[in-house]
PDB file of N, CA and C in Angstrom:
ATOM      1  N   UNK A   1       0.834  -1.184   0.000  1.00  0.00           N
ATOM      2  CA  UNK A   1       0.000   0.000   0.000  1.00  0.00           C
ATOM      3  C   UNK A   1       0.879   1.247   0.000  1.00  0.00           C
ATOM      4  N   UNK A   2       1.189   1.775  -1.152  1.00  0.00           N
ATOM      5  CA  UNK A   2       2.017   2.979  -1.188  1.00  0.00           C
ATOM      6  C   UNK A   2       1.284   4.186  -0.602  1.00  0.00           C
ATOM      7  N   UNK A   3       1.905   4.839   0.364  1.00  0.00           N
ATOM      8  CA  UNK A   3       1.349   6.065   0.936  1.00  0.00           C
ATOM      9  C   UNK A   3       1.741   7.241   0.044  1.00  0.00           C
ATOM     10  N   UNK A   4       0.783   8.064  -0.288  1.00  0.00           N
ATOM     11  CA  UNK A   4       1.035   9.247  -1.101  1.00  0.00           C
ATOM     12  C   UNK A   4       1.445  10.404  -0.205  1.00  0.00           C
ATOM     13  N   UNK A   5       0.635  10.639   0.836  1.00  0.00           N
ATOM     14  CA  UNK A   5       0.977  11.664   1.820  1.00  0.00           C
ATOM     15  C   UNK A   5       0.091  11.480   3.051  1.00  0.00           C
ATOM     16  N   UNK A   6       0.535  12.055   4.146  1.00  0.00           N
ATOM     17  CA  UNK A   6      -0.264  12.117   5.368  1.00  0.00           C
ATOM     18  C   UNK A   6      -0.336  13.574   5.800  1.00  0.00           C
ATOM     19  N   UNK A   7      -1.494  13.943   6.318  1.00  0.00           N
ATOM     20  CA  UNK A   7      -1.671  15.310   6.812  1.00  0.00           C
ATOM     21  C   UNK A   7      -2.845  15.335   7.779  1.00  0.00           C
ATOM     22  N   UNK A   8      -2.656  15.999   8.914  1.00  0.00           N
ATOM     23  CA  UNK A   8      -3.715  16.165   9.918  1.00  0.00           C
ATOM     24  C   UNK A   8      -4.355  14.840  10.331  1.00  0.00           C
ATOM     25  N   UNK A   9      -3.571  13.767  10.360  1.00  0.00           N
ATOM     26  CA  UNK A   9      -4.078  12.466  10.767  1.00  0.00           C
ATOM     27  C   UNK A   9      -4.740  11.667   9.653  1.00  0.00           C
ATOM     28  N   UNK A  10      -4.788  12.220   8.447  1.00  0.00           N
ATOM     29  CA  UNK A  10      -5.340  11.531   7.286  1.00  0.00           C
ATOM     30  C   UNK A  10      -4.199  10.892   6.510  1.00  0.00           C
ATOM     31  N   UNK A  11      -4.400   9.660   6.088  1.00  0.00           N
ATOM     32  CA  UNK A  11      -3.400   8.955   5.270  1.00  0.00           C
ATOM     33  C   UNK A  11      -4.005   8.681   3.899  1.00  0.00           C
ATOM     34  N   UNK A  12      -3.365   9.192   2.873  1.00  0.00           N
ATOM     35  CA  UNK A  12      -3.804   9.007   1.499  1.00  0.00           C
ATOM     36  C   UNK A  12      -2.907   7.961   0.854  1.00  0.00           C
ATOM     37  N   UNK A  13      -3.532   6.953   0.215  1.00  0.00           N
ATOM     38  CA  UNK A  13      -2.741   5.832  -0.292  1.00  0.00           C
ATOM     39  C   UNK A  13      -3.442   5.135  -1.452  1.00  0.00           C
ATOM     40  N   UNK A  14      -2.669   4.280  -2.135  1.00  0.00           N
ATOM     41  CA  UNK A  14      -3.170   3.377  -3.161  1.00  0.00           C
ATOM     42  C   UNK A  14      -2.962   1.961  -2.663  1.00  0.00           C
ATOM     43  N   UNK A  15      -3.715   1.033  -3.186  1.00  0.00           N
ATOM     44  CA  UNK A  15      -3.394  -0.382  -3.053  1.00  0.00           C
ATOM     45  C   UNK A  15      -2.524  -0.739  -4.258  1.00  0.00           C
ATOM     46  N   UNK A  16      -1.677  -1.720  -4.125  1.00  0.00           N
ATOM     47  CA  UNK A  16      -0.723  -2.031  -5.188  1.00  0.00           C
ATOM     48  C   UNK A  16      -1.370  -2.674  -6.411  1.00  0.00           C
ATOM     49  N   UNK A  17      -2.609  -3.107  -6.318  1.00  0.00           N
ATOM     50  CA  UNK A  17      -3.291  -3.741  -7.448  1.00  0.00           C
ATOM     51  C   UNK A  17      -4.471  -2.895  -7.940  1.00  0.00           C
ATOM     52  N   UNK A  18      -4.299  -1.594  -7.977  1.00  0.00           N
ATOM     53  CA  UNK A  18      -5.381  -0.679  -8.337  1.00  0.00           C
ATOM     54  C   UNK A  18      -5.773  -0.776  -9.803  1.00  0.00           C
ATOM     55  N   UNK A  19      -6.855  -0.132 -10.148  1.00  0.00           N
ATOM     56  CA  UNK A  19      -7.434  -0.107 -11.481  1.00  0.00           C
ATOM     57  C   UNK A  19      -7.854   1.321 -11.787  1.00  0.00           C
ATOM     58  N   UNK A  20      -8.025   1.609 -13.056  1.00  0.00           N
ATOM     59  CA  UNK A  20      -8.543   2.918 -13.457  1.00  0.00           C
ATOM     60  C   UNK A  20     -10.037   2.980 -13.174  1.00  0.00           C
ATOM     61  N   UNK A  21     -10.628   4.117 -13.004  1.00  0.00           N
ATOM     62  CA  UNK A  21     -10.036   5.443 -13.106  1.00  0.00           C
ATOM     63  C   UNK A  21      -9.141   5.743 -11.907  1.00  0.00           C
ATOM     64  N   UNK A  22      -8.319   6.781 -12.068  1.00  0.00           N
ATOM     65  CA  UNK A  22      -7.440   7.187 -10.971  1.00  0.00           C
ATOM     66  C   UNK A  22      -8.305   7.475  -9.755  1.00  0.00           C
ATOM     67  N   UNK A  23      -7.922   6.915  -8.629  1.00  0.00           N
ATOM     68  CA  UNK A  23      -8.630   7.163  -7.371  1.00  0.00           C
ATOM     69  C   UNK A  23      -7.650   7.014  -6.217  1.00  0.00           C
ATOM     70  N   UNK A  24      -8.041   7.524  -5.084  1.00  0.00           N
ATOM     71  CA  UNK A  24      -7.193   7.495  -3.904  1.00  0.00           C
ATOM     72  C   UNK A  24      -8.020   7.060  -2.700  1.00  0.00           C
ATOM     73  N   UNK A  25      -7.410   6.253  -1.851  1.00  0.00           N
ATOM     74  CA  UNK A  25      -8.022   5.848  -0.592  1.00  0.00           C
ATOM     75  C   UNK A  25      -7.501   6.778   0.493  1.00  0.00           C
ATOM     76  N   UNK A  26      -8.345   7.053   1.468  1.00  0.00           N
ATOM     77  CA  UNK A  26      -7.923   7.868   2.604  1.00  0.00           C
ATOM     78  C   UNK A  26      -8.468   7.230   3.874  1.00  0.00           C
ATOM     79  N   UNK A  27      -7.603   7.129   4.876  1.00  0.00           N
ATOM     80  CA  UNK A  27      -8.032   6.580   6.162  1.00  0.00           C
ATOM     81  C   UNK A  27      -7.812   7.624   7.246  1.00  0.00           C
ATOM     82  N   UNK A  28      -8.705   7.560   8.222  1.00  0.00           N
ATOM     83  CA  UNK A  28      -8.620   8.475   9.369  1.00  0.00           C
ATOM     84  C   UNK A  28      -9.505   7.927  10.478  1.00  0.00           C
ATOM     85  N   UNK A  29      -8.953   7.770  11.658  1.00  0.00           N
ATOM     86  CA  UNK A  29      -9.739   7.376  12.824  1.00  0.00           C
ATOM     87  C   UNK A  29     -10.523   6.090  12.656  1.00  0.00           C
ATOM     88  N   UNK A  30      -9.985   5.128  11.946  1.00  0.00           N
ATOM     89  CA  UNK A  30     -10.670   3.859  11.767  1.00  0.00           C
ATOM     90  C   UNK A  30     -11.636   3.822  10.596  1.00  0.00           C
ATOM     91  N   UNK A  31     -11.856   4.966   9.949  1.00  0.00           N
ATOM     92  CA  UNK A  31     -12.720   5.019   8.781  1.00  0.00           C
ATOM     93  C   UNK A  31     -11.900   5.092   7.506  1.00  0.00           C
ATOM     94  N   UNK A  32     -12.560   4.856   6.381  1.00  0.00           N
ATOM     95  CA  UNK A  32     -11.884   4.936   5.092  1.00  0.00           C
ATOM     96  C   UNK A  32     -12.846   5.469   4.049  1.00  0.00           C
ATOM     97  N   UNK A  33     -12.291   6.197   3.083  1.00  0.00           N
ATOM     98  CA  UNK A  33     -13.068   6.715   1.964  1.00  0.00           C
ATOM     99  C   UNK A  33     -12.263   6.542   0.684  1.00  0.00           C
ATOM    100  N   UNK A  34     -12.967   6.597  -0.436  1.00  0.00           N
ATOM    101  CA  UNK A  34     -12.338   6.519  -1.749  1.00  0.00           C
ATOM    102  C   UNK A  34     -12.819   7.713  -2.565  1.00  0.00           C
ATOM    103  N   UNK A  35     -11.863   8.425  -3.147  1.00  0.00           N
ATOM    104  CA  UNK A  35     -12.169   9.559  -4.007  1.00  0.00           C
ATOM    105  C   UNK A  35     -11.653   9.282  -5.404  1.00  0.00           C
ATOM    106  N   UNK A  36     -12.498   9.473  -6.411  1.00  0.00           N
ATOM    107  CA  UNK A  36     -12.053   9.430  -7.794  1.00  0.00           C
ATOM    108  C   UNK A  36     -11.335  10.748  -8.074  1.00  0.00           C
ATOM    109  N   UNK A  37     -10.262  10.666  -8.844  1.00  0.00           N
ATOM    110  CA  UNK A  37      -9.432  11.841  -9.095  1.00  0.00           C
ATOM    111  C   UNK A  37      -9.396  12.117 -10.596  1.00  0.00           C
ATOM    112  N   UNK A  38      -9.855  13.299 -10.966  1.00  0.00           N
ATOM    113  CA  UNK A  38      -9.821  13.747 -12.358  1.00  0.00           C
ATOM    114  C   UNK A  38      -9.451  15.218 -12.356  1.00  0.00           C
ATOM    115  N   UNK A  39     -10.301  16.047 -12.958  1.00  0.00           N
ATOM    116  CA  UNK A  39     -10.091  17.493 -12.887  1.00  0.00           C
ATOM    117  C   UNK A  39     -10.347  18.001 -11.475  1.00  0.00           C
ATOM    118  N   UNK A  40     -11.122  17.236 -10.713  1.00  0.00           N
ATOM    119  CA  UNK A  40     -11.373  17.503  -9.300  1.00  0.00           C
ATOM    120  C   UNK A  40     -11.529  16.140  -8.621  1.00  0.00           C
ATOM    121  N   UNK A  41     -11.887  16.129  -7.368  1.00  0.00           N
ATOM    122  CA  UNK A  41     -12.073  14.863  -6.653  1.00  0.00           C
ATOM    123  C   UNK A  41     -13.560  14.649  -6.388  1.00  0.00           C
ATOM    124  N   UNK A  42     -13.951  13.372  -6.412  1.00  0.00           N
ATOM    125  CA  UNK A  42     -15.347  13.015  -6.238  1.00  0.00           C
ATOM    126  C   UNK A  42     -15.427  11.825  -5.293  1.00  0.00           C
ATOM    127  N   UNK A  43     -16.158  11.977  -4.213  1.00  0.00           N
ATOM    128  CA  UNK A  43     -16.333  10.882  -3.255  1.00  0.00           C
ATOM    129  C   UNK A  43     -17.060   9.727  -3.925  1.00  0.00           C
ATOM    130  N   UNK A  44     -16.465   8.540  -3.871  1.00  0.00           N
ATOM    131  CA  UNK A  44     -17.077   7.342  -4.449  1.00  0.00           C
ATOM    132  C   UNK A  44     -17.692   6.450  -3.376  1.00  0.00           C
ATOM    133  N   UNK A  45     -17.021   6.333  -2.226  1.00  0.00           N
ATOM    134  CA  UNK A  45     -17.567   5.526  -1.133  1.00  0.00           C
ATOM    135  C   UNK A  45     -16.854   5.882   0.158  1.00  0.00           C
ATOM    136  N   UNK A  46     -17.519   5.555   1.258  1.00  0.00           N
ATOM    137  CA  UNK A  46     -16.904   5.772   2.572  1.00  0.00           C
ATOM    138  C   UNK A  46     -17.498   4.805   3.579  1.00  0.00           C
ATOM    139  N   UNK A  47     -16.698   4.494   4.585  1.00  0.00           N
ATOM    140  CA  UNK A  47     -17.112   3.594   5.655  1.00  0.00           C
ATOM    141  C   UNK A  47     -16.524   4.114   6.962  1.00  0.00           C
ATOM    142  N   UNK A  48     -17.372   4.415   7.911  1.00  0.00           N
ATOM    143  CA  UNK A  48     -16.919   4.774   9.248  1.00  0.00           C
ATOM    144  C   UNK A  48     -16.239   6.115   9.378  1.00  0.00           C
ATOM    145  N   UNK A  49     -16.473   7.019   8.430  1.00  0.00           N
ATOM    146  CA  UNK A  49     -15.856   8.343   8.493  1.00  0.00           C
ATOM    147  C   UNK A  49     -16.970   9.384   8.604  1.00  0.00           C
ATOM    148  N   UNK A  50     -16.821  10.301   9.536  1.00  0.00           N
ATOM    149  CA  UNK A  50     -17.845  11.330   9.747  1.00  0.00           C
ATOM    150  C   UNK A  50     -17.919  12.283   8.559  1.00  0.00           C
ATOM    151  N   UNK A  51     -19.029  12.977   8.436  1.00  0.00           N
ATOM    152  CA  UNK A  51     -19.207  13.965   7.374  1.00  0.00           C
ATOM    153  C   UNK A  51     -18.126  15.032   7.476  1.00  0.00           C
ATOM    154  N   UNK A  52     -17.809  15.433   8.695  1.00  0.00           N
ATOM    155  CA  UNK A  52     -16.776  16.454   8.900  1.00  0.00           C
ATOM    156  C   UNK A  52     -15.419  15.951   8.388  1.00  0.00           C
ATOM    157  N   UNK A  53     -15.073  14.704   8.706  1.00  0.00           N
ATOM    158  CA  UNK A  53     -13.797  14.160   8.239  1.00  0.00           C
ATOM    159  C   UNK A  53     -13.796  13.917   6.737  1.00  0.00           C
ATOM    160  N   UNK A  54     -14.942  13.543   6.168  1.00  0.00           N
ATOM    161  CA  UNK A  54     -15.030  13.396   4.714  1.00  0.00           C
ATOM    162  C   UNK A  54     -14.786  14.737   4.024  1.00  0.00           C
ATOM    163  N   UNK A  55     -15.347  15.784   4.578  1.00  0.00           N
ATOM    164  CA  UNK A  55     -15.160  17.115   4.013  1.00  0.00           C
ATOM    165  C   UNK A  55     -13.695  17.532   4.081  1.00  0.00           C
ATOM    166  N   UNK A  56     -13.056  17.284   5.209  1.00  0.00           N
ATOM    167  CA  UNK A  56     -11.636  17.617   5.367  1.00  0.00           C
ATOM    168  C   UNK A  56     -10.782  16.788   4.415  1.00  0.00           C
ATOM    169  N   UNK A  57     -11.087  15.496   4.280  1.00  0.00           N
ATOM    170  CA  UNK A  57     -10.347  14.634   3.364  1.00  0.00           C
ATOM    171  C   UNK A  57     -10.483  15.129   1.930  1.00  0.00           C
ATOM    172  N   UNK A  58     -11.677  15.537   1.553  1.00  0.00           N
ATOM    173  CA  UNK A  58     -11.897  16.056   0.209  1.00  0.00           C
ATOM    174  C   UNK A  58     -11.082  17.324  -0.026  1.00  0.00           C
ATOM    175  N   UNK A  59     -11.057  18.212   0.960  1.00  0.00           N
ATOM    176  CA  UNK A  59     -10.265  19.440   0.843  1.00  0.00           C
ATOM    177  C   UNK A  59      -8.784  19.119   0.663  1.00  0.00           C
ATOM    178  N   UNK A  60      -8.283  18.167   1.453  1.00  0.00           N
ATOM    179  CA  UNK A  60      -6.876  17.789   1.354  1.00  0.00           C
ATOM    180  C   UNK A  60      -6.564  17.155   0.004  1.00  0.00           C
ATOM    181  N   UNK A  61      -7.472  16.312  -0.483  1.00  0.00           N
ATOM    182  CA  UNK A  61      -7.266  15.680  -1.792  1.00  0.00           C
ATOM    183  C   UNK A  61      -7.267  16.734  -2.904  1.00  0.00           C
ATOM    184  N   UNK A  62      -8.157  17.707  -2.815  1.00  0.00           N
ATOM    185  CA  UNK A  62      -8.182  18.788  -3.808  1.00  0.00           C
ATOM    186  C   UNK A  62      -6.870  19.570  -3.772  1.00  0.00           C
ATOM    187  N   UNK A  63      -6.401  19.835  -2.573  1.00  0.00           N
ATOM    188  CA  UNK A  63      -5.159  20.586  -2.396  1.00  0.00           C
ATOM    189  C   UNK A  63      -3.973  19.845  -3.009  1.00  0.00           C
ATOM    190  N   UNK A  64      -3.978  18.526  -2.944  1.00  0.00           N
ATOM    191  CA  UNK A  64      -2.859  17.706  -3.420  1.00  0.00           C
ATOM    192  C   UNK A  64      -3.218  16.940  -4.704  1.00  0.00           C
ATOM    193  N   UNK A  65      -4.167  17.452  -5.451  1.00  0.00           N
ATOM    194  CA  UNK A  65      -4.674  16.777  -6.639  1.00  0.00           C
ATOM    195  C   UNK A  65      -3.555  16.376  -7.603  1.00  0.00           C
ATOM    196  N   UNK A  66      -2.679  17.296  -7.943  1.00  0.00           N
ATOM    197  CA  UNK A  66      -1.618  16.987  -8.911  1.00  0.00           C
ATOM    198  C   UNK A  66      -0.634  15.975  -8.342  1.00  0.00           C
ATOM    199  N   UNK A  67      -0.331  16.064  -7.062  1.00  0.00           N
ATOM    200  CA  UNK A  67       0.554  15.090  -6.427  1.00  0.00           C
ATOM    201  C   UNK A  67      -0.040  13.688  -6.531  1.00  0.00           C
ATOM    202  N   UNK A  68      -1.320  13.553  -6.279  1.00  0.00           N
ATOM    203  CA  UNK A  68      -1.990  12.248  -6.361  1.00  0.00           C
ATOM    204  C   UNK A  68      -1.879  11.690  -7.780  1.00  0.00           C
ATOM    205  N   UNK A  69      -2.182  12.517  -8.776  1.00  0.00           N
ATOM    206  CA  UNK A  69      -2.084  12.073 -10.166  1.00  0.00           C
ATOM    207  C   UNK A  69      -0.651  11.673 -10.525  1.00  0.00           C
ATOM    208  N   UNK A  70       0.300  12.485 -10.109  1.00  0.00           N
ATOM    209  CA  UNK A  70       1.704  12.199 -10.414  1.00  0.00           C
ATOM    210  C   UNK A  70       2.150  10.892  -9.784  1.00  0.00           C
ATOM    211  N   UNK A  71       1.806  10.679  -8.527  1.00  0.00           N
ATOM    212  CA  UNK A  71       2.197   9.449  -7.828  1.00  0.00           C
ATOM    213  C   UNK A  71       1.534   8.232  -8.473  1.00  0.00           C
ATOM    214  N   UNK A  72       0.273   8.356  -8.869  1.00  0.00           N
ATOM    215  CA  UNK A  72      -0.425   7.260  -9.555  1.00  0.00           C
ATOM    216  C   UNK A  72       0.338   6.886 -10.830  1.00  0.00           C
ATOM    217  N   UNK A  73       0.643   7.903 -11.635  1.00  0.00           N
ATOM    218  CA  UNK A  73       1.312   7.656 -12.917  1.00  0.00           C
ATOM    219  C   UNK A  73       2.694   7.041 -12.734  1.00  0.00           C
ATOM    220  N   UNK A  74       3.450   7.478 -11.759  1.00  0.00           N
ATOM    221  CA  UNK A  74       4.764   6.903 -11.502  1.00  0.00           C
ATOM    222  C   UNK A  74       4.621   5.452 -11.034  1.00  0.00           C
ATOM    223  N   UNK A  75       3.698   5.202 -10.114  1.00  0.00           N
ATOM    224  CA  UNK A  75       3.576   3.857  -9.543  1.00  0.00           C
ATOM    225  C   UNK A  75       2.991   2.850 -10.538  1.00  0.00           C
ATOM    226  N   UNK A  76       1.958   3.243 -11.273  1.00  0.00           N
ATOM    227  CA  UNK A  76       1.251   2.282 -12.115  1.00  0.00           C
ATOM    228  C   UNK A  76       1.695   2.305 -13.577  1.00  0.00           C
ATOM    229  N   UNK A  77       2.330   3.391 -14.013  1.00  0.00           N
ATOM    230  CA  UNK A  77       2.752   3.479 -15.405  1.00  0.00           C
ATOM    231  C   UNK A  77       4.270   3.517 -15.573  1.00  0.00           C
ATOM    232  N   UNK A  78       4.974   3.446 -14.447  1.00  0.00           N
ATOM    233  CA  UNK A  78       6.439   3.426 -14.503  1.00  0.00           C
ATOM    234  C   UNK A  78       6.984   4.757 -14.796  1.00  0.00           C
TER     235      UNK A  78
END
């Protein structure tokens, strides 16, 4: 599970056997969410994460959007 970045207790990561479209997993406080990443981020699913933490995770993913795309491309496309 490659970690992309951590911030404010949120861990953004990929699983090593991911598939398109580009997406990122985020964990915080025992919960997890998945955001699809394109021109912006879109919540696809979540489990055990509060609305407040989902909102914060989305903000962080938007802030690091290009980093997420770059890390995906390096890891999955060489």
